[in-house]
Amino acid sequence: AVLEAADAFCWDRHWMMLVGDVKGRILDEALQQRLSEPQDGTFSAVEFGTYVGYSAVRIARLLPSGAKLYSCDPDVVTQSIGQELATLAGLQEKTEFMSLQATQAIQSMKRRGIAFDFVFIDHVKHDYLPTLQR
């Protein structure tokens, strides 16, 4: 219901910089394909760029029990909004919001021993390639 409400608002009332329902289906398919492959241990996904949490909800809703999405963005306000949206969607157990830039988040997760099975890069465009290379 959270995604549908956001999509309706963005189509009918006010444009927002969201993945949205059309491109969101491509994201869903990519994640579902990755989830269908054999996994070693617990599935972990990461997104760089939270904005208002739409894509975090979109990804987390498809994750199996025990899996986790790490949503990284240095903006504390967007992180707070994203966390609230995930909670409204009942996905707080599947999400962790990190108020860090991509470089800092990657370093933090490496120290915690977190490896990623799925990566969604949707933050500052000039940092896409450097983030991938880290």
Protein backbone atom coordinates (compact mmCIF):
# COMPACT_ATOMS: atom_id res chain seq x y z
CA ALA A 1 0.00 0.00 0.00
CA VAL A 2 2.91 2.38 0.71
CA LEU A 3 4.33 2.06 -2.80
CA GLU A 4 0.93 2.40 -4.43
CA ALA A 5 0.21 5.57 -2.43
CA ALA A 6 3.58 7.07 -3.37
CA ASP A 7 3.09 6.17 -7.04
CA ALA A 8 -0.41 7.67 -7.12
CA PHE A 9 0.81 10.86 -5.45
CA CYS A 10 3.70 11.22 -7.91
CA TRP A 11 1.58 10.50 -11.00
CA ASP A 12 -1.42 12.62 -9.97
CA ARG A 13 -0.20 15.42 -7.74
CA HIS A 14 3.52 16.12 -7.58
CA TRP A 15 6.57 14.71 -9.38
CA MET A 16 9.23 13.28 -7.10
CA MET A 17 12.64 11.80 -7.87
CA LEU A 18 11.60 8.20 -7.17
CA VAL A 19 12.35 5.00 -9.04
CA GLY A 20 8.59 4.76 -9.47
CA ASP A 21 6.36 1.95 -10.59
CA VAL A 22 7.56 1.68 -14.21
CA LYS A 23 11.32 1.52 -13.58
CA GLY A 24 10.58 -0.16 -10.28
CA ARG A 25 9.39 -3.26 -12.11
CA ILE A 26 12.84 -3.51 -13.73
CA LEU A 27 14.43 -3.25 -10.28
CA ASP A 28 12.03 -5.92 -8.98
CA GLU A 29 12.93 -8.28 -11.83
CA ALA A 30 16.67 -7.81 -11.29
CA LEU A 31 16.32 -8.51 -7.57
CA GLN A 32 14.06 -11.52 -8.12
CA GLN A 33 16.55 -12.95 -10.61
CA ARG A 34 19.36 -12.56 -8.08
CA LEU A 35 17.24 -14.08 -5.32
CA SER A 36 16.55 -17.12 -7.50
CA GLU A 37 20.27 -17.92 -7.66
CA PRO A 38 21.91 -20.09 -4.97
CA GLN A 39 23.08 -18.08 -1.95
CA ASP A 40 25.84 -18.68 0.57
CA GLY A 41 24.38 -17.60 3.88
CA THR A 42 22.07 -14.68 4.55
CA PHE A 43 21.12 -12.48 1.58
CA SER A 44 22.23 -8.85 1.89
CA ALA A 45 21.33 -5.96 -0.39
CA VAL A 46 22.60 -2.40 -0.34
CA GLU A 47 21.33 0.78 -1.89
CA PHE A 48 23.27 4.00 -2.14
CA GLY A 49 20.87 6.93 -2.09
CA THR A 50 17.79 6.76 0.13
CA TYR A 51 15.86 9.93 -0.79
CA VAL A 52 12.49 9.17 0.89
CA GLY A 53 12.83 5.39 1.14
CA TYR A 54 10.69 4.36 -1.84
CA SER A 55 13.31 2.08 -3.36
CA ALA A 56 14.21 0.75 0.10
CA VAL A 57 10.62 -0.37 0.56
CA ARG A 58 10.50 -1.67 -3.01
CA ILE A 59 13.58 -3.84 -2.44
CA ALA A 60 12.92 -4.92 1.17
CA ARG A 61 9.39 -6.12 0.44
CA LEU A 62 10.83 -8.81 -1.86
CA LEU A 63 13.56 -10.02 0.49
CA PRO A 64 13.16 -13.39 2.18
CA SER A 65 12.99 -13.74 5.94
CA GLY A 66 16.38 -13.07 7.54
CA ALA A 67 17.64 -10.99 4.63
CA LYS A 68 18.62 -7.35 5.10
CA LEU A 69 18.71 -4.18 3.00
CA TYR A 70 21.24 -1.53 3.98
CA SER A 71 20.15 1.90 2.72
CA CYS A 72 22.98 4.45 2.75
CA ASP A 73 22.69 8.21 2.46
CA PRO A 74 24.54 10.95 4.34
CA ASP A 75 21.38 13.07 4.70
CA VAL A 76 19.98 12.44 8.18
CA VAL A 77 16.58 13.87 7.21
CA THR A 78 16.11 11.55 4.22
CA GLN A 79 17.27 8.64 6.35
CA SER A 80 14.64 9.46 8.95
CA ILE A 81 11.90 9.70 6.29
CA GLY A 82 13.06 6.46 4.68
CA GLN A 83 13.09 4.65 8.00
CA GLU A 84 9.58 5.86 8.77
CA LEU A 85 8.34 4.72 5.34
CA ALA A 86 9.89 1.28 5.87
CA THR A 87 8.22 1.08 9.29
CA LEU A 88 4.84 2.05 7.79
CA ALA A 89 5.33 -0.77 5.29
CA GLY A 90 6.14 -3.21 8.13
CA LEU A 91 9.70 -3.71 6.87
CA GLN A 92 11.76 -2.40 9.79
CA GLU A 93 13.23 -5.87 10.46
CA LYS A 94 14.50 -6.12 6.87
CA THR A 95 16.04 -2.65 6.66
CA GLU A 96 18.92 -0.78 8.20
CA PHE A 97 19.39 2.89 7.40
CA MET A 98 22.92 4.27 7.54
CA SER A 99 23.53 8.03 7.57
CA LEU A 100 26.86 7.73 5.77
CA GLN A 101 28.35 8.56 2.40
CA ALA A 102 28.96 5.59 0.10
CA THR A 103 32.68 5.34 0.93
CA GLN A 104 32.07 5.45 4.68
CA ALA A 105 29.19 2.97 4.44
CA ILE A 106 31.26 0.48 2.44
CA GLN A 107 34.09 0.72 4.98
CA SER A 108 31.67 0.29 7.88
CA MET A 109 30.04 -2.76 6.33
CA LYS A 110 33.40 -4.33 5.50
CA ARG A 111 34.42 -3.97 9.15
CA ARG A 112 31.16 -5.70 10.12
CA GLY A 113 31.83 -8.53 7.66
CA ILE A 114 28.82 -7.73 5.48
CA ALA A 115 29.08 -8.88 1.86
CA PHE A 116 26.47 -7.92 -0.73
CA ASP A 117 24.41 -10.10 -2.98
CA PHE A 118 22.60 -7.17 -4.63
CA VAL A 119 23.61 -3.53 -5.10
CA PHE A 120 21.39 -0.65 -6.20
CA ILE A 121 23.28 2.58 -6.93
CA ASP A 122 21.04 5.64 -7.03
CA HIS A 123 22.89 8.43 -5.27
CA VAL A 124 25.16 11.26 -6.49
CA LYS A 125 25.69 10.51 -10.18
CA HIS A 126 29.39 11.45 -10.29
CA ASP A 127 30.05 8.82 -7.59
CA TYR A 128 28.41 5.85 -9.36
CA LEU A 129 31.58 4.39 -10.90
CA PRO A 130 33.84 5.08 -7.89
CA THR A 131 31.26 3.39 -5.63
CA LEU A 132 31.22 0.33 -7.88
CA GLN A 133 35.00 0.20 -7.90
CA ARG A 134 35.20 0.18 -4.10
